[in-house]
Amino acid sequence: MPRYPVELAMKGIAGCGIFKVIVDESGSTESIDLISSVPKKVISKPVTKVIKDWSWTLADGKSPIREEKLLRLDFCMGGSTEEESILKCKQQAAMACE
């Protein structure tokens, strides 16, 4: 799990990021580019550290070649119950991330 930047968490600032990930024919991460994020660029470093070690599955029915994937990660926080936290995360995921 990516660690949210401590300075943002302490201020209660939620965020998200959209990343372009290039996956090679073996399912390994080849490159990661931040497309957009809120707040700007702050979440890129912790997310990149985690994504680079993921193993990917290429799309069904495709020959094994490099593949571009778009990935959105949301960092939400808060809620005094699990239900409330899940609701906040659903609201966060519906917001624009640019």
C-alpha atoms as a PDB file:
ATOM      1  CA  MET A   1       0.000   0.000   0.000  1.00  0.00           C
ATOM      2  CA  PRO A   2       1.397   3.436  -0.863  1.00  0.00           C
ATOM      3  CA  ARG A   3       2.062   5.644   2.146  1.00  0.00           C
ATOM      4  CA  TYR A   4       0.309   8.964   1.974  1.00  0.00           C
ATOM      5  CA  PRO A   5       2.686  11.908   2.594  1.00  0.00           C
ATOM      6  CA  VAL A   6       2.712  12.578   6.335  1.00  0.00           C
ATOM      7  CA  GLU A   7       2.484  16.361   5.967  1.00  0.00           C
ATOM      8  CA  LEU A   8      -0.764  16.046   3.990  1.00  0.00           C
ATOM      9  CA  ALA A   9      -2.236  13.459   6.364  1.00  0.00           C
ATOM     10  CA  MET A  10      -1.484  15.680   9.376  1.00  0.00           C
ATOM     11  CA  LYS A  11      -3.369  18.537   7.677  1.00  0.00           C
ATOM     12  CA  GLY A  12      -6.278  16.242   6.803  1.00  0.00           C
ATOM     13  CA  ILE A  13      -5.830  16.794   3.054  1.00  0.00           C
ATOM     14  CA  ALA A  14      -7.150  13.945   0.888  1.00  0.00           C
ATOM     15  CA  GLY A  15      -5.762  13.399  -2.587  1.00  0.00           C
ATOM     16  CA  CYS A  16      -5.588  11.323  -5.718  1.00  0.00           C
ATOM     17  CA  GLY A  17      -3.305  10.628  -8.627  1.00  0.00           C
ATOM     18  CA  ILE A  18      -3.641   9.348 -12.167  1.00  0.00           C
ATOM     19  CA  PHE A  19      -0.633   7.448 -13.453  1.00  0.00           C
ATOM     20  CA  LYS A  20       0.334   6.049 -16.844  1.00  0.00           C
ATOM     21  CA  VAL A  21       2.109   2.740 -16.381  1.00  0.00           C
ATOM     22  CA  ILE A  22       3.948   0.959 -19.184  1.00  0.00           C
ATOM     23  CA  VAL A  23       4.038  -2.804 -18.652  1.00  0.00           C
ATOM     24  CA  ASP A  24       6.476  -4.990 -20.576  1.00  0.00           C
ATOM     25  CA  GLU A  25       5.607  -8.317 -22.193  1.00  0.00           C
ATOM     26  CA  SER A  26       6.516 -10.239 -19.018  1.00  0.00           C
ATOM     27  CA  GLY A  27       4.121  -8.193 -16.831  1.00  0.00           C
ATOM     28  CA  SER A  28       6.813  -6.074 -15.153  1.00  0.00           C
ATOM     29  CA  THR A  29       6.520  -2.319 -14.686  1.00  0.00           C
ATOM     30  CA  GLU A  30       8.666  -0.577 -17.290  1.00  0.00           C
ATOM     31  CA  SER A  31       7.837   3.070 -16.546  1.00  0.00           C
ATOM     32  CA  ILE A  32       5.485   5.205 -14.452  1.00  0.00           C
ATOM     33  CA  ASP A  33       4.422   8.760 -15.300  1.00  0.00           C
ATOM     34  CA  LEU A  34       2.212  11.019 -13.223  1.00  0.00           C
ATOM     35  CA  ILE A  35      -0.566  12.375 -15.463  1.00  0.00           C
ATOM     36  CA  SER A  36      -2.352  14.505 -12.865  1.00  0.00           C
ATOM     37  CA  SER A  37      -2.788  14.691  -9.120  1.00  0.00           C
ATOM     38  CA  VAL A  38      -4.409  16.573  -6.293  1.00  0.00           C
ATOM     39  CA  PRO A  39      -2.441  18.037  -4.627  1.00  0.00           C
ATOM     40  CA  LYS A  40       0.046  18.556  -7.425  1.00  0.00           C
ATOM     41  CA  LYS A  41       3.017  16.148  -7.602  1.00  0.00           C
ATOM     42  CA  VAL A  42       3.220  15.454  -3.854  1.00  0.00           C
ATOM     43  CA  ILE A  43       1.924  11.884  -4.018  1.00  0.00           C
ATOM     44  CA  SER A  44       4.020  10.790  -6.990  1.00  0.00           C
ATOM     45  CA  LYS A  45       7.092   9.584  -5.096  1.00  0.00           C
ATOM     46  CA  PRO A  46       5.408   7.256  -2.552  1.00  0.00           C
ATOM     47  CA  VAL A  47       3.083   5.798  -5.180  1.00  0.00           C
ATOM     48  CA  THR A  48       5.877   5.221  -7.705  1.00  0.00           C
ATOM     49  CA  LYS A  49       7.861   3.231  -5.112  1.00  0.00           C
ATOM     50  CA  VAL A  50       4.949   0.817  -4.688  1.00  0.00           C
ATOM     51  CA  ILE A  51       3.761   0.530  -8.315  1.00  0.00           C
ATOM     52  CA  LYS A  52       7.221  -0.339  -9.668  1.00  0.00           C
ATOM     53  CA  ASP A  53       7.162  -3.664  -7.790  1.00  0.00           C
ATOM     54  CA  TRP A  54       3.688  -4.760  -8.910  1.00  0.00           C
ATOM     55  CA  SER A  55       3.223  -7.692 -11.289  1.00  0.00           C
ATOM     56  CA  TRP A  56       0.726  -6.982 -14.041  1.00  0.00           C
ATOM     57  CA  THR A  57      -1.509  -9.126 -16.213  1.00  0.00           C
ATOM     58  CA  LEU A  58      -1.726  -8.120 -19.847  1.00  0.00           C
ATOM     59  CA  ALA A  59      -5.170  -7.694 -21.418  1.00  0.00           C
ATOM     60  CA  ASP A  60      -6.860 -10.932 -22.490  1.00  0.00           C
ATOM     61  CA  GLY A  61      -6.606 -11.854 -26.141  1.00  0.00           C
ATOM     62  CA  LYS A  62      -3.566  -9.657 -26.796  1.00  0.00           C
ATOM     63  CA  SER A  63      -0.204 -10.918 -27.919  1.00  0.00           C
ATOM     64  CA  PRO A  64       2.520 -10.341 -25.327  1.00  0.00           C
ATOM     65  CA  ILE A  65       3.745  -6.839 -26.116  1.00  0.00           C
ATOM     66  CA  ARG A  66       4.222  -3.656 -24.108  1.00  0.00           C
ATOM     67  CA  GLU A  67       0.969  -2.293 -22.797  1.00  0.00           C
ATOM     68  CA  GLU A  68      -0.058   1.116 -21.442  1.00  0.00           C
ATOM     69  CA  LYS A  69      -2.343   1.192 -18.430  1.00  0.00           C
ATOM     70  CA  LEU A  70      -3.979   4.164 -16.708  1.00  0.00           C
ATOM     71  CA  LEU A  71      -4.316   3.863 -12.963  1.00  0.00           C
ATOM     72  CA  ARG A  72      -6.085   6.128 -10.500  1.00  0.00           C
ATOM     73  CA  LEU A  73      -5.264   5.908  -6.813  1.00  0.00           C
ATOM     74  CA  ASP A  74      -7.342   7.748  -4.213  1.00  0.00           C
ATOM     75  CA  PHE A  75      -6.126   8.590  -0.741  1.00  0.00           C
ATOM     76  CA  CYS A  76      -9.075   9.231   1.516  1.00  0.00           C
ATOM     77  CA  MET A  77      -9.203   9.495   5.264  1.00  0.00           C
ATOM     78  CA  GLY A  78     -11.568  10.097   8.082  1.00  0.00           C
ATOM     79  CA  GLY A  79     -14.734   8.660   9.423  1.00  0.00           C
ATOM     80  CA  SER A  80     -15.461   7.414  12.895  1.00  0.00           C
ATOM     81  CA  THR A  81     -16.820   4.078  11.649  1.00  0.00           C
ATOM     82  CA  GLU A  82     -15.891   1.735   8.813  1.00  0.00           C
ATOM     83  CA  GLU A  83     -19.175   2.609   7.039  1.00  0.00           C
ATOM     84  CA  GLU A  84     -18.423   6.324   7.243  1.00  0.00           C
ATOM     85  CA  SER A  85     -14.882   5.761   5.934  1.00  0.00           C
ATOM     86  CA  ILE A  86     -16.159   3.734   2.982  1.00  0.00           C
ATOM     87  CA  LEU A  87     -18.689   6.465   2.143  1.00  0.00           C
ATOM     88  CA  LYS A  88     -15.958   9.140   2.241  1.00  0.00           C
ATOM     89  CA  CYS A  89     -13.766   7.036  -0.060  1.00  0.00           C
ATOM     90  CA  LYS A  90     -16.626   6.557  -2.538  1.00  0.00           C
ATOM     91  CA  GLN A  91     -17.196  10.323  -2.585  1.00  0.00           C
ATOM     92  CA  GLN A  92     -13.466  10.910  -3.083  1.00  0.00           C
ATOM     93  CA  ALA A  93     -13.336   8.468  -6.014  1.00  0.00           C
ATOM     94  CA  ALA A  94     -16.150  10.376  -7.761  1.00  0.00           C
ATOM     95  CA  MET A  95     -14.225  13.688  -7.686  1.00  0.00           C
ATOM     96  CA  ALA A  96     -12.050  14.948 -10.525  1.00  0.00           C
ATOM     97  CA  CYS A  97      -8.356  14.263 -10.086  1.00  0.00           C
ATOM     98  CA  GLU A  98      -6.742  17.047 -12.090  1.00  0.00           C
END
